[in-house]
Amino acid sequence: MKAMILAAGRGERMRPLTDHTPKPLLEVAGRRLIEYHIQNLVAAGITELVINHAHLGGQIETALGDGSAYGAAIQYSAEEEALETAGGIFNALPLLGDAPFVVVNGDVWTDYPFQLLPGSIEELAHLVLVNNPEHNPQGDFALQGNRVKVDGEPKFTFSGISIIRPELFAGCQAGAFPLAPLLRQVMLSGKVTGEHYRGEWCDVGTPERLQYLDQALRLR
């Protein structure tokens, strides 16, 4: 199974840190954010990686190279302008192939063991959900059994980790478009499964959260 790490966001809320450094290359506890994902994916046997980039994307390619230093093989999907989550994935489909693939948001940190992900999925998507953080107390989606729903209880926060079948993008056209509306559409027909992960997870969306995570990891 291949994996795509989403790394094309501008990181507006992280400015001025992201004015000169792409958000995925910001460091916590001496390692770049994106390196945690690469190393955790490789540890789970997922070594074929696709990384998209836009803002200062050349720095990402320079820093990570072909992935061999991590035991991975990295291909890059360059975007002239950031295509949002779904647009970026759609643009990279030629690199991802016809089988289901893992998608990971590059601006989160988690100790989620990717070995827990199902080896294959029958539905169009499988989402990893986490407990709601302070900045998203209402959650994103409901989890009922192993099915993810638009409405209902309990509601959890989407971690940014998923498995997606390329068929999710059938009928889509190139350009910038978000992922959440696509997921909600197929949730209505029961085509999204999910799991609740109770481990550590952090959406590194502000300088304050970056600093908090850095300090927390250094204290380990």
N, C-alpha and C. Protein backbone atom coordinates (compact mmCIF):
# COMPACT_ATOMS: atom_id res chain seq x y z
N MET A 1 0.84 -1.20 0.00
CA MET A 1 0.00 0.00 0.00
C MET A 1 0.88 1.25 0.00
N LYS A 2 0.52 2.22 -0.83
CA LYS A 2 1.23 3.49 -0.87
C LYS A 2 0.60 4.46 0.13
N ALA A 3 1.32 5.54 0.41
CA ALA A 3 0.78 6.57 1.29
C ALA A 3 1.08 7.94 0.70
N MET A 4 0.15 8.86 0.91
CA MET A 4 0.35 10.25 0.50
C MET A 4 0.36 11.13 1.74
N ILE A 5 1.39 11.96 1.85
CA ILE A 5 1.47 12.94 2.93
C ILE A 5 1.14 14.31 2.34
N LEU A 6 0.14 14.96 2.90
CA LEU A 6 -0.31 16.25 2.40
C LEU A 6 0.55 17.35 2.99
N ALA A 7 1.29 18.04 2.14
CA ALA A 7 2.27 19.01 2.63
C ALA A 7 2.25 20.31 1.84
N ALA A 8 1.11 20.61 1.19
CA ALA A 8 1.06 21.77 0.29
C ALA A 8 0.45 23.02 0.93
N GLY A 9 -0.02 22.92 2.15
CA GLY A 9 -0.69 24.06 2.77
C GLY A 9 0.25 25.22 3.03
N ARG A 10 -0.31 26.41 2.99
CA ARG A 10 0.49 27.63 3.19
C ARG A 10 0.83 27.85 4.66
N GLY A 11 -0.03 27.36 5.56
CA GLY A 11 0.23 27.55 6.98
C GLY A 11 0.07 28.98 7.44
N GLU A 12 -1.04 29.60 7.02
CA GLU A 12 -1.26 31.01 7.35
C GLU A 12 -1.27 31.27 8.86
N ARG A 13 -1.88 30.36 9.61
CA ARG A 13 -1.97 30.58 11.07
C ARG A 13 -0.63 30.40 11.76
N MET A 14 0.35 29.84 11.04
CA MET A 14 1.67 29.62 11.62
C MET A 14 2.64 30.75 11.30
N ARG A 15 2.18 31.73 10.56
CA ARG A 15 3.08 32.84 10.24
C ARG A 15 3.46 33.57 11.52
N PRO A 16 4.69 34.11 11.63
CA PRO A 16 5.69 34.24 10.55
C PRO A 16 6.59 33.01 10.37
N LEU A 17 6.36 31.94 11.15
CA LEU A 17 7.25 30.77 11.06
C LEU A 17 7.25 30.18 9.66
N THR A 18 6.10 30.25 8.99
CA THR A 18 5.99 29.63 7.67
C THR A 18 6.28 30.58 6.52
N ASP A 19 6.70 31.79 6.82
CA ASP A 19 7.05 32.72 5.74
C ASP A 19 8.28 32.23 4.97
N HIS A 20 9.17 31.55 5.68
CA HIS A 20 10.41 31.10 5.06
C HIS A 20 10.64 29.59 5.17
N THR A 21 9.75 28.90 5.88
CA THR A 21 9.89 27.45 6.06
C THR A 21 8.54 26.80 5.84
N PRO A 22 8.44 25.78 5.00
CA PRO A 22 7.16 25.08 4.85
C PRO A 22 6.75 24.46 6.18
N LYS A 23 5.46 24.49 6.45
CA LYS A 23 4.96 24.00 7.73
C LYS A 23 5.43 22.59 8.07
N PRO A 24 5.43 21.64 7.10
CA PRO A 24 5.86 20.28 7.45
C PRO A 24 7.34 20.17 7.85
N LEU A 25 8.12 21.20 7.56
CA LEU A 25 9.54 21.16 7.93
C LEU A 25 9.82 21.84 9.27
N LEU A 26 8.79 22.40 9.91
CA LEU A 26 8.98 22.95 11.24
C LEU A 26 9.34 21.81 12.20
N GLU A 27 10.19 22.11 13.16
CA GLU A 27 10.70 21.06 14.03
C GLU A 27 10.00 21.02 15.38
N VAL A 28 9.82 19.81 15.89
CA VAL A 28 9.40 19.60 17.27
C VAL A 28 10.33 18.54 17.85
N ALA A 29 10.91 18.88 18.98
CA ALA A 29 11.84 17.99 19.67
C ALA A 29 12.96 17.52 18.74
N GLY A 30 13.46 18.44 17.92
CA GLY A 30 14.63 18.16 17.10
C GLY A 30 14.38 17.42 15.82
N ARG A 31 13.10 17.15 15.49
CA ARG A 31 12.78 16.48 14.24
C ARG A 31 11.71 17.26 13.50
N ARG A 32 11.78 17.22 12.18
CA ARG A 32 10.74 17.89 11.39
C ARG A 32 9.42 17.14 11.53
N LEU A 33 8.33 17.90 11.50
CA LEU A 33 7.00 17.29 11.64
C LEU A 33 6.80 16.15 10.65
N ILE A 34 7.16 16.38 9.40
CA ILE A 34 6.91 15.37 8.37
C ILE A 34 7.77 14.12 8.56
N GLU A 35 8.90 14.28 9.24
CA GLU A 35 9.76 13.11 9.46
C GLU A 35 9.11 12.10 10.40
N TYR A 36 8.32 12.59 11.35
CA TYR A 36 7.61 11.66 12.24
C TYR A 36 6.70 10.75 11.42
N HIS A 37 5.97 11.33 10.47
CA HIS A 37 5.07 10.53 9.64
C HIS A 37 5.86 9.54 8.79
N ILE A 38 6.92 10.02 8.16
CA ILE A 38 7.70 9.14 7.29
C ILE A 38 8.23 7.95 8.08
N GLN A 39 8.81 8.21 9.23
CA GLN A 39 9.40 7.14 10.03
C GLN A 39 8.33 6.18 10.55
N ASN A 40 7.16 6.71 10.94
CA ASN A 40 6.09 5.83 11.44
C ASN A 40 5.49 4.99 10.32
N LEU A 41 5.38 5.57 9.12
CA LEU A 41 4.88 4.80 7.98
C LEU A 41 5.86 3.68 7.62
N VAL A 42 7.13 4.01 7.56
CA VAL A 42 8.14 3.01 7.22
C VAL A 42 8.15 1.89 8.27
N ALA A 43 8.00 2.27 9.54
CA ALA A 43 7.97 1.25 10.60
C ALA A 43 6.81 0.28 10.42
N ALA A 44 5.75 0.74 9.76
CA ALA A 44 4.59 -0.11 9.50
C ALA A 44 4.69 -0.83 8.17
N GLY A 45 5.83 -0.70 7.49
CA GLY A 45 6.03 -1.38 6.23
C GLY A 45 5.48 -0.63 5.03
N ILE A 46 5.08 0.63 5.23
CA ILE A 46 4.57 1.46 4.13
C ILE A 46 5.72 2.36 3.67
N THR A 47 6.34 1.99 2.57
CA THR A 47 7.58 2.67 2.17
C THR A 47 7.46 3.46 0.87
N GLU A 48 6.39 3.25 0.10
CA GLU A 48 6.20 4.00 -1.14
C GLU A 48 5.35 5.23 -0.84
N LEU A 49 5.98 6.40 -0.85
CA LEU A 49 5.32 7.62 -0.40
C LEU A 49 5.22 8.64 -1.52
N VAL A 50 4.12 9.38 -1.51
CA VAL A 50 3.92 10.52 -2.38
C VAL A 50 3.69 11.74 -1.49
N ILE A 51 4.42 12.81 -1.76
CA ILE A 51 4.28 14.04 -0.98
C ILE A 51 3.95 15.17 -1.94
N ASN A 52 2.83 15.87 -1.68
CA ASN A 52 2.54 17.04 -2.51
C ASN A 52 3.08 18.29 -1.84
N HIS A 53 3.35 19.28 -2.62
CA HIS A 53 3.84 20.54 -2.05
C HIS A 53 3.53 21.69 -2.98
N ALA A 54 3.52 22.88 -2.40
CA ALA A 54 3.29 24.10 -3.18
C ALA A 54 4.18 25.20 -2.61
N HIS A 55 3.77 25.79 -1.48
CA HIS A 55 4.52 26.87 -0.86
C HIS A 55 5.91 26.39 -0.45
N LEU A 56 6.94 27.01 -1.04
CA LEU A 56 8.34 26.68 -0.71
C LEU A 56 8.61 25.18 -0.86
N GLY A 57 7.94 24.57 -1.83
CA GLY A 57 8.03 23.12 -1.99
C GLY A 57 9.42 22.61 -2.29
N GLY A 58 10.23 23.42 -2.93
CA GLY A 58 11.59 22.98 -3.21
C GLY A 58 12.36 22.65 -1.96
N GLN A 59 12.06 23.35 -0.86
CA GLN A 59 12.74 23.05 0.41
C GLN A 59 12.40 21.64 0.89
N ILE A 60 11.16 21.21 0.65
CA ILE A 60 10.75 19.87 1.09
C ILE A 60 11.52 18.81 0.30
N GLU A 61 11.63 19.01 -1.00
CA GLU A 61 12.36 18.04 -1.82
C GLU A 61 13.84 18.01 -1.43
N THR A 62 14.40 19.17 -1.16
CA THR A 62 15.81 19.22 -0.76
C THR A 62 16.03 18.53 0.58
N ALA A 63 15.12 18.74 1.52
CA ALA A 63 15.28 18.18 2.86
C ALA A 63 15.11 16.67 2.89
N LEU A 64 14.16 16.16 2.10
CA LEU A 64 13.82 14.73 2.19
C LEU A 64 14.43 13.89 1.09
N GLY A 65 14.76 14.52 -0.03
CA GLY A 65 15.37 13.79 -1.14
C GLY A 65 14.47 12.68 -1.66
N ASP A 66 15.08 11.58 -2.06
CA ASP A 66 14.31 10.46 -2.61
C ASP A 66 13.78 9.53 -1.54
N GLY A 67 14.02 9.88 -0.28
CA GLY A 67 13.50 9.09 0.83
C GLY A 67 14.40 7.97 1.29
N SER A 68 15.48 7.72 0.57
CA SER A 68 16.33 6.57 0.90
C SER A 68 16.93 6.67 2.30
N ALA A 69 17.14 7.89 2.77
CA ALA A 69 17.70 8.06 4.11
C ALA A 69 16.76 7.55 5.19
N TYR A 70 15.48 7.42 4.85
CA TYR A 70 14.47 6.94 5.80
C TYR A 70 14.04 5.52 5.51
N GLY A 71 14.61 4.91 4.50
CA GLY A 71 14.17 3.59 4.09
C GLY A 71 12.90 3.62 3.26
N ALA A 72 12.63 4.78 2.66
CA ALA A 72 11.42 4.97 1.86
C ALA A 72 11.79 5.34 0.43
N ALA A 73 10.78 5.31 -0.43
CA ALA A 73 10.91 5.80 -1.80
C ALA A 73 9.88 6.91 -1.97
N ILE A 74 10.34 8.15 -2.11
CA ILE A 74 9.45 9.30 -2.15
C ILE A 74 9.32 9.84 -3.57
N GLN A 75 8.08 10.07 -3.99
CA GLN A 75 7.79 10.81 -5.22
C GLN A 75 7.06 12.09 -4.82
N TYR A 76 7.23 13.12 -5.63
CA TYR A 76 6.64 14.41 -5.30
C TYR A 76 5.59 14.81 -6.32
N SER A 77 4.53 15.41 -5.81
CA SER A 77 3.47 15.95 -6.65
C SER A 77 3.44 17.46 -6.43
N ALA A 78 4.07 18.18 -7.35
CA ALA A 78 4.21 19.63 -7.21
C ALA A 78 2.95 20.34 -7.69
N GLU A 79 2.55 21.35 -6.94
CA GLU A 79 1.38 22.16 -7.29
C GLU A 79 1.82 23.62 -7.42
N GLU A 80 1.45 24.25 -8.51
CA GLU A 80 1.80 25.67 -8.68
C GLU A 80 1.10 26.51 -7.62
N GLU A 81 -0.16 26.22 -7.39
CA GLU A 81 -0.94 26.81 -6.30
C GLU A 81 -1.56 25.67 -5.52
N ALA A 82 -1.64 25.81 -4.20
CA ALA A 82 -2.19 24.74 -3.37
C ALA A 82 -3.59 24.38 -3.83
N LEU A 83 -3.86 23.09 -3.99
CA LEU A 83 -5.11 22.60 -4.57
C LEU A 83 -6.11 22.13 -3.51
N GLU A 84 -5.89 22.48 -2.27
CA GLU A 84 -6.70 22.00 -1.14
C GLU A 84 -6.53 20.48 -1.04
N THR A 85 -7.18 19.91 -0.04
CA THR A 85 -6.92 18.50 0.28
C THR A 85 -7.30 17.56 -0.86
N ALA A 86 -8.57 17.60 -1.28
CA ALA A 86 -9.01 16.66 -2.31
C ALA A 86 -8.38 16.98 -3.66
N GLY A 87 -8.25 18.25 -3.99
CA GLY A 87 -7.62 18.62 -5.25
C GLY A 87 -6.19 18.13 -5.34
N GLY A 88 -5.48 18.20 -4.21
CA GLY A 88 -4.10 17.70 -4.18
C GLY A 88 -4.02 16.20 -4.35
N ILE A 89 -4.94 15.48 -3.72
CA ILE A 89 -4.96 14.02 -3.87
C ILE A 89 -5.31 13.65 -5.31
N PHE A 90 -6.33 14.31 -5.85
CA PHE A 90 -6.75 14.03 -7.23
C PHE A 90 -5.59 14.26 -8.19
N ASN A 91 -4.84 15.33 -7.98
CA ASN A 91 -3.71 15.65 -8.84
C ASN A 91 -2.62 14.58 -8.78
N ALA A 92 -2.53 13.91 -7.63
CA ALA A 92 -1.47 12.91 -7.43
C ALA A 92 -1.91 11.49 -7.76
N LEU A 93 -3.15 11.29 -8.17
CA LEU A 93 -3.64 9.94 -8.45
C LEU A 93 -2.77 9.15 -9.43
N PRO A 94 -2.20 9.78 -10.47
CA PRO A 94 -1.33 9.01 -11.36
C PRO A 94 -0.13 8.38 -10.64
N LEU A 95 0.31 9.00 -9.55
CA LEU A 95 1.44 8.46 -8.78
C LEU A 95 0.97 7.41 -7.77
N LEU A 96 -0.29 7.46 -7.39
CA LEU A 96 -0.80 6.60 -6.32
C LEU A 96 -1.33 5.27 -6.83
N GLY A 97 -1.72 5.20 -8.08
CA GLY A 97 -2.15 3.93 -8.65
C GLY A 97 -3.63 3.65 -8.42
N ASP A 98 -4.01 2.39 -8.67
CA ASP A 98 -5.41 1.99 -8.66
C ASP A 98 -5.87 1.35 -7.36
N ALA A 99 -4.95 1.09 -6.45
CA ALA A 99 -5.30 0.43 -5.19
C ALA A 99 -5.58 1.47 -4.10
N PRO A 100 -6.26 1.07 -3.02
CA PRO A 100 -6.44 1.99 -1.89
C PRO A 100 -5.09 2.46 -1.36
N PHE A 101 -5.07 3.69 -0.86
CA PHE A 101 -3.83 4.27 -0.34
C PHE A 101 -4.11 5.03 0.95
N VAL A 102 -3.07 5.18 1.76
CA VAL A 102 -3.15 5.92 3.00
C VAL A 102 -2.95 7.41 2.70
N VAL A 103 -3.69 8.25 3.41
CA VAL A 103 -3.49 9.70 3.33
C VAL A 103 -3.24 10.22 4.74
N VAL A 104 -2.23 11.07 4.89
CA VAL A 104 -1.88 11.63 6.19
C VAL A 104 -1.69 13.14 6.04
N ASN A 105 -2.36 13.91 6.88
CA ASN A 105 -2.12 15.35 6.90
C ASN A 105 -0.73 15.64 7.45
N GLY A 106 0.03 16.44 6.73
CA GLY A 106 1.39 16.72 7.15
C GLY A 106 1.50 17.63 8.35
N ASP A 107 0.40 18.27 8.74
CA ASP A 107 0.48 19.24 9.84
C ASP A 107 -0.14 18.72 11.13
N VAL A 108 -0.18 17.40 11.29
CA VAL A 108 -0.57 16.83 12.57
C VAL A 108 0.58 15.99 13.11
N TRP A 109 0.57 15.80 14.44
CA TRP A 109 1.52 14.88 15.07
C TRP A 109 0.70 13.85 15.82
N THR A 110 1.11 12.59 15.73
CA THR A 110 0.41 11.53 16.43
C THR A 110 1.33 10.34 16.65
N ASP A 111 1.02 9.56 17.67
CA ASP A 111 1.75 8.31 17.89
C ASP A 111 0.95 7.13 17.33
N TYR A 112 -0.03 7.42 16.48
CA TYR A 112 -0.84 6.35 15.89
C TYR A 112 0.05 5.34 15.18
N PRO A 113 -0.06 4.06 15.52
CA PRO A 113 0.73 3.03 14.83
C PRO A 113 0.02 2.64 13.53
N PHE A 114 0.62 2.97 12.41
CA PHE A 114 -0.02 2.73 11.13
C PHE A 114 -0.25 1.23 10.86
N GLN A 115 0.39 0.38 11.66
CA GLN A 115 0.13 -1.05 11.54
C GLN A 115 -1.33 -1.39 11.85
N LEU A 116 -2.03 -0.50 12.58
CA LEU A 116 -3.42 -0.75 12.94
C LEU A 116 -4.37 -0.57 11.77
N LEU A 117 -3.94 0.12 10.73
CA LEU A 117 -4.82 0.36 9.60
C LEU A 117 -5.16 -0.96 8.90
N PRO A 118 -6.38 -1.10 8.42
CA PRO A 118 -6.72 -2.32 7.67
C PRO A 118 -5.89 -2.44 6.41
N GLY A 119 -5.54 -3.65 6.05
CA GLY A 119 -4.71 -3.87 4.87
C GLY A 119 -5.42 -3.54 3.58
N SER A 120 -6.75 -3.58 3.60
CA SER A 120 -7.54 -3.19 2.43
C SER A 120 -8.91 -2.77 2.92
N ILE A 121 -9.64 -2.05 2.09
CA ILE A 121 -10.98 -1.62 2.47
C ILE A 121 -11.94 -1.92 1.32
N GLU A 122 -13.18 -2.23 1.68
CA GLU A 122 -14.20 -2.47 0.67
C GLU A 122 -14.97 -1.20 0.35
N GLU A 123 -15.08 -0.30 1.34
CA GLU A 123 -15.82 0.94 1.11
C GLU A 123 -14.88 1.98 0.49
N LEU A 124 -15.39 3.20 0.27
CA LEU A 124 -14.61 4.21 -0.43
C LEU A 124 -13.57 4.88 0.46
N ALA A 125 -13.78 4.85 1.77
CA ALA A 125 -12.83 5.50 2.67
C ALA A 125 -12.92 4.88 4.06
N HIS A 126 -11.82 4.97 4.79
CA HIS A 126 -11.74 4.55 6.18
C HIS A 126 -11.03 5.67 6.93
N LEU A 127 -11.67 6.20 7.96
CA LEU A 127 -11.13 7.35 8.68
C LEU A 127 -10.70 6.97 10.09
N VAL A 128 -9.60 7.55 10.53
CA VAL A 128 -9.18 7.45 11.93
C VAL A 128 -9.69 8.70 12.65
N LEU A 129 -10.52 8.49 13.66
CA LEU A 129 -11.08 9.59 14.44
C LEU A 129 -10.45 9.61 15.83
N VAL A 130 -10.36 10.80 16.40
CA VAL A 130 -9.74 10.97 17.71
C VAL A 130 -10.66 11.78 18.61
N ASN A 131 -10.34 11.81 19.91
CA ASN A 131 -11.11 12.62 20.86
C ASN A 131 -11.05 14.09 20.46
N ASN A 132 -12.11 14.81 20.74
CA ASN A 132 -12.20 16.20 20.31
C ASN A 132 -11.26 17.10 21.13
N PRO A 133 -10.39 17.84 20.45
CA PRO A 133 -9.51 18.78 21.16
C PRO A 133 -10.27 20.05 21.55
N GLU A 134 -9.63 20.88 22.33
CA GLU A 134 -10.29 22.10 22.80
C GLU A 134 -10.73 23.00 21.65
N HIS A 135 -9.96 23.01 20.56
CA HIS A 135 -10.29 23.92 19.45
C HIS A 135 -11.34 23.33 18.51
N ASN A 136 -11.81 22.10 18.77
CA ASN A 136 -12.86 21.51 17.93
C ASN A 136 -13.79 20.67 18.83
N PRO A 137 -14.44 21.32 19.80
CA PRO A 137 -15.17 20.57 20.83
C PRO A 137 -16.38 19.82 20.30
N GLN A 138 -16.96 20.25 19.17
CA GLN A 138 -18.14 19.60 18.64
C GLN A 138 -17.82 18.39 17.75
N GLY A 139 -16.55 18.23 17.42
CA GLY A 139 -16.15 17.11 16.57
C GLY A 139 -16.51 17.33 15.11
N ASP A 140 -16.22 16.34 14.29
CA ASP A 140 -16.45 16.42 12.85
C ASP A 140 -17.50 15.43 12.36
N PHE A 141 -17.34 14.16 12.76
CA PHE A 141 -18.20 13.10 12.26
C PHE A 141 -18.60 12.18 13.40
N ALA A 142 -19.74 11.52 13.20
CA ALA A 142 -20.20 10.55 14.19
C ALA A 142 -19.67 9.16 13.84
N LEU A 143 -19.42 8.37 14.86
CA LEU A 143 -18.98 6.98 14.68
C LEU A 143 -20.00 6.07 15.32
N GLN A 144 -20.64 5.25 14.51
CA GLN A 144 -21.65 4.31 14.98
C GLN A 144 -21.24 2.92 14.54
N GLY A 145 -20.76 2.14 15.51
CA GLY A 145 -20.13 0.87 15.15
C GLY A 145 -18.84 1.18 14.43
N ASN A 146 -18.72 0.64 13.23
CA ASN A 146 -17.53 0.95 12.44
C ASN A 146 -17.88 1.85 11.25
N ARG A 147 -19.07 2.48 11.31
CA ARG A 147 -19.50 3.35 10.22
C ARG A 147 -19.39 4.81 10.64
N VAL A 148 -18.87 5.62 9.74
CA VAL A 148 -18.76 7.05 9.99
C VAL A 148 -19.96 7.74 9.35
N LYS A 149 -20.63 8.58 10.15
CA LYS A 149 -21.84 9.26 9.71
C LYS A 149 -21.66 10.77 9.78
N VAL A 150 -22.46 11.47 8.99
CA VAL A 150 -22.43 12.93 9.04
C VAL A 150 -23.00 13.42 10.36
N ASP A 151 -24.09 12.83 10.80
CA ASP A 151 -24.76 13.25 12.03
C ASP A 151 -24.90 12.07 12.99
N GLY A 152 -25.12 12.41 14.24
CA GLY A 152 -25.30 11.39 15.26
C GLY A 152 -24.33 11.57 16.40
N GLU A 153 -24.38 10.65 17.33
CA GLU A 153 -23.51 10.66 18.50
C GLU A 153 -22.94 9.27 18.71
N PRO A 154 -21.74 9.15 19.25
CA PRO A 154 -20.84 10.25 19.61
C PRO A 154 -20.11 10.82 18.40
N LYS A 155 -19.73 12.08 18.50
CA LYS A 155 -18.97 12.72 17.44
C LYS A 155 -17.51 12.87 17.85
N PHE A 156 -16.64 12.61 16.89
CA PHE A 156 -15.21 12.71 17.12
C PHE A 156 -14.58 13.61 16.05
N THR A 157 -13.30 13.87 16.22
CA THR A 157 -12.56 14.72 15.29
C THR A 157 -11.78 13.85 14.30
N PHE A 158 -11.84 14.23 13.04
CA PHE A 158 -11.07 13.53 12.01
C PHE A 158 -9.60 13.82 12.23
N SER A 159 -8.81 12.77 12.35
CA SER A 159 -7.39 12.91 12.68
C SER A 159 -6.53 13.39 11.51
N GLY A 160 -7.05 13.30 10.29
CA GLY A 160 -6.22 13.56 9.12
C GLY A 160 -5.53 12.31 8.60
N ILE A 161 -5.87 11.15 9.19
CA ILE A 161 -5.34 9.87 8.73
C ILE A 161 -6.50 9.07 8.14
N SER A 162 -6.30 8.55 6.94
CA SER A 162 -7.37 7.80 6.30
C SER A 162 -6.80 6.83 5.28
N ILE A 163 -7.64 5.91 4.86
CA ILE A 163 -7.38 5.11 3.67
C ILE A 163 -8.46 5.48 2.66
N ILE A 164 -8.06 5.70 1.44
CA ILE A 164 -9.00 6.15 0.41
C ILE A 164 -8.86 5.27 -0.83
N ARG A 165 -9.98 4.94 -1.41
CA ARG A 165 -9.98 4.28 -2.71
C ARG A 165 -10.01 5.35 -3.79
N PRO A 166 -9.27 5.16 -4.88
CA PRO A 166 -9.29 6.16 -5.95
C PRO A 166 -10.68 6.43 -6.50
N GLU A 167 -11.57 5.44 -6.38
CA GLU A 167 -12.93 5.60 -6.90
C GLU A 167 -13.70 6.72 -6.20
N LEU A 168 -13.22 7.15 -5.03
CA LEU A 168 -13.87 8.27 -4.35
C LEU A 168 -13.91 9.51 -5.24
N PHE A 169 -12.93 9.62 -6.14
CA PHE A 169 -12.80 10.83 -6.96
C PHE A 169 -13.43 10.68 -8.35
N ALA A 170 -14.20 9.62 -8.54
CA ALA A 170 -14.87 9.44 -9.83
C ALA A 170 -15.76 10.64 -10.12
N GLY A 171 -15.61 11.20 -11.30
CA GLY A 171 -16.41 12.36 -11.69
C GLY A 171 -15.83 13.69 -11.29
N CYS A 172 -14.73 13.69 -10.51
CA CYS A 172 -14.10 14.94 -10.12
C CYS A 172 -13.27 15.51 -11.26
N GLN A 173 -13.04 16.80 -11.21
CA GLN A 173 -12.24 17.47 -12.21
C GLN A 173 -11.06 18.16 -11.54
N ALA A 174 -9.99 18.32 -12.30
CA ALA A 174 -8.78 18.94 -11.77
C ALA A 174 -9.07 20.35 -11.27
N GLY A 175 -8.38 20.71 -10.20
CA GLY A 175 -8.55 22.04 -9.61
C GLY A 175 -8.52 21.93 -8.10
N ALA A 176 -8.75 23.04 -7.44
CA ALA A 176 -8.72 23.07 -5.98
C ALA A 176 -10.11 22.75 -5.43
N PHE A 177 -10.19 21.73 -4.57
CA PHE A 177 -11.47 21.43 -3.91
C PHE A 177 -11.18 20.64 -2.63
N PRO A 178 -12.03 20.81 -1.62
CA PRO A 178 -11.80 20.19 -0.31
C PRO A 178 -12.27 18.74 -0.26
N LEU A 179 -11.79 18.02 0.74
CA LEU A 179 -12.11 16.60 0.89
C LEU A 179 -13.41 16.38 1.66
N ALA A 180 -13.68 17.20 2.67
CA ALA A 180 -14.82 16.94 3.56
C ALA A 180 -16.14 16.80 2.82
N PRO A 181 -16.48 17.67 1.85
CA PRO A 181 -17.76 17.48 1.15
C PRO A 181 -17.86 16.14 0.41
N LEU A 182 -16.75 15.70 -0.17
CA LEU A 182 -16.74 14.39 -0.84
C LEU A 182 -17.03 13.28 0.16
N LEU A 183 -16.38 13.35 1.32
CA LEU A 183 -16.59 12.32 2.34
C LEU A 183 -18.02 12.34 2.85
N ARG A 184 -18.57 13.53 3.10
CA ARG A 184 -19.94 13.62 3.59
C ARG A 184 -20.91 13.02 2.58
N GLN A 185 -20.66 13.25 1.31
CA GLN A 185 -21.55 12.72 0.27
C GLN A 185 -21.61 11.20 0.30
N VAL A 186 -20.45 10.56 0.42
CA VAL A 186 -20.45 9.09 0.41
C VAL A 186 -20.82 8.50 1.77
N MET A 187 -20.68 9.31 2.85
CA MET A 187 -21.17 8.85 4.15
C MET A 187 -22.67 8.62 4.11
N LEU A 188 -23.38 9.45 3.36
CA LEU A 188 -24.83 9.35 3.30
C LEU A 188 -25.28 8.02 2.71
N SER A 189 -24.42 7.40 1.91
CA SER A 189 -24.74 6.09 1.35
C SER A 189 -24.00 4.97 2.07
N GLY A 190 -23.46 5.27 3.25
CA GLY A 190 -22.87 4.24 4.08
C GLY A 190 -21.55 3.68 3.60
N LYS A 191 -20.79 4.48 2.84
CA LYS A 191 -19.58 3.97 2.22
C LYS A 191 -18.28 4.42 2.89
N VAL A 192 -18.38 4.82 4.17
CA VAL A 192 -17.19 5.22 4.91
C VAL A 192 -17.15 4.48 6.24
N THR A 193 -16.07 3.77 6.49
CA THR A 193 -15.86 3.12 7.78
C THR A 193 -14.87 3.94 8.60
N GLY A 194 -14.74 3.58 9.87
CA GLY A 194 -13.83 4.35 10.71
C GLY A 194 -13.46 3.61 11.97
N GLU A 195 -12.55 4.22 12.71
CA GLU A 195 -12.11 3.70 13.99
C GLU A 195 -11.82 4.87 14.91
N HIS A 196 -11.89 4.62 16.21
CA HIS A 196 -11.62 5.65 17.21
C HIS A 196 -10.27 5.34 17.85
N TYR A 197 -9.32 6.26 17.65
CA TYR A 197 -7.99 6.09 18.25
C TYR A 197 -7.91 6.97 19.49
N ARG A 198 -7.53 6.36 20.60
CA ARG A 198 -7.51 7.06 21.89
C ARG A 198 -6.12 7.52 22.30
N GLY A 199 -5.14 7.35 21.42
CA GLY A 199 -3.77 7.73 21.76
C GLY A 199 -3.50 9.22 21.56
N GLU A 200 -2.25 9.55 21.43
CA GLU A 200 -1.85 10.95 21.36
C GLU A 200 -2.00 11.49 19.94
N TRP A 201 -2.49 12.71 19.86
CA TRP A 201 -2.71 13.38 18.57
C TRP A 201 -2.73 14.88 18.80
N CYS A 202 -2.13 15.61 17.87
CA CYS A 202 -2.10 17.07 17.99
C CYS A 202 -2.18 17.69 16.60
N ASP A 203 -3.13 18.59 16.42
CA ASP A 203 -3.21 19.40 15.21
C ASP A 203 -2.30 20.60 15.42
N VAL A 204 -1.16 20.60 14.74
CA VAL A 204 -0.16 21.64 14.98
C VAL A 204 -0.53 22.85 14.12
N GLY A 205 -1.61 23.54 14.51
CA GLY A 205 -2.15 24.59 13.68
C GLY A 205 -1.73 26.00 14.04
N THR A 206 -1.11 26.17 15.19
CA THR A 206 -0.70 27.51 15.62
C THR A 206 0.70 27.43 16.24
N PRO A 207 1.41 28.56 16.30
CA PRO A 207 2.72 28.56 16.97
C PRO A 207 2.64 28.09 18.41
N GLU A 208 1.52 28.39 19.07
CA GLU A 208 1.38 27.98 20.47
C GLU A 208 1.30 26.46 20.59
N ARG A 209 0.55 25.82 19.69
CA ARG A 209 0.47 24.35 19.73
C ARG A 209 1.79 23.72 19.36
N LEU A 210 2.50 24.34 18.43
CA LEU A 210 3.83 23.85 18.06
C LEU A 210 4.76 23.88 19.27
N GLN A 211 4.73 24.98 20.00
CA GLN A 211 5.59 25.11 21.18
C GLN A 211 5.19 24.12 22.26
N TYR A 212 3.88 23.95 22.46
CA TYR A 212 3.40 23.00 23.47
C TYR A 212 3.86 21.58 23.14
N LEU A 213 3.71 21.19 21.86
CA LEU A 213 4.11 19.85 21.45
C LEU A 213 5.61 19.67 21.60
N ASP A 214 6.37 20.66 21.22
CA ASP A 214 7.82 20.59 21.35
C ASP A 214 8.23 20.34 22.81
N GLN A 215 7.63 21.10 23.71
CA GLN A 215 7.97 20.95 25.12
C GLN A 215 7.53 19.58 25.65
N ALA A 216 6.34 19.14 25.25
CA ALA A 216 5.84 17.85 25.73
C ALA A 216 6.72 16.70 25.30
N LEU A 217 7.17 16.73 24.04
CA LEU A 217 8.01 15.64 23.55
C LEU A 217 9.40 15.67 24.16
N ARG A 218 9.89 16.85 24.44
CA ARG A 218 11.22 16.96 25.07
C ARG A 218 11.24 16.46 26.50
N LEU A 219 10.08 16.46 27.14
CA LEU A 219 10.01 16.01 28.53
C LEU A 219 9.91 14.50 28.66
N ARG A 220 9.81 13.81 27.52
CA ARG A 220 9.68 12.35 27.56
C ARG A 220 10.99 11.70 27.96
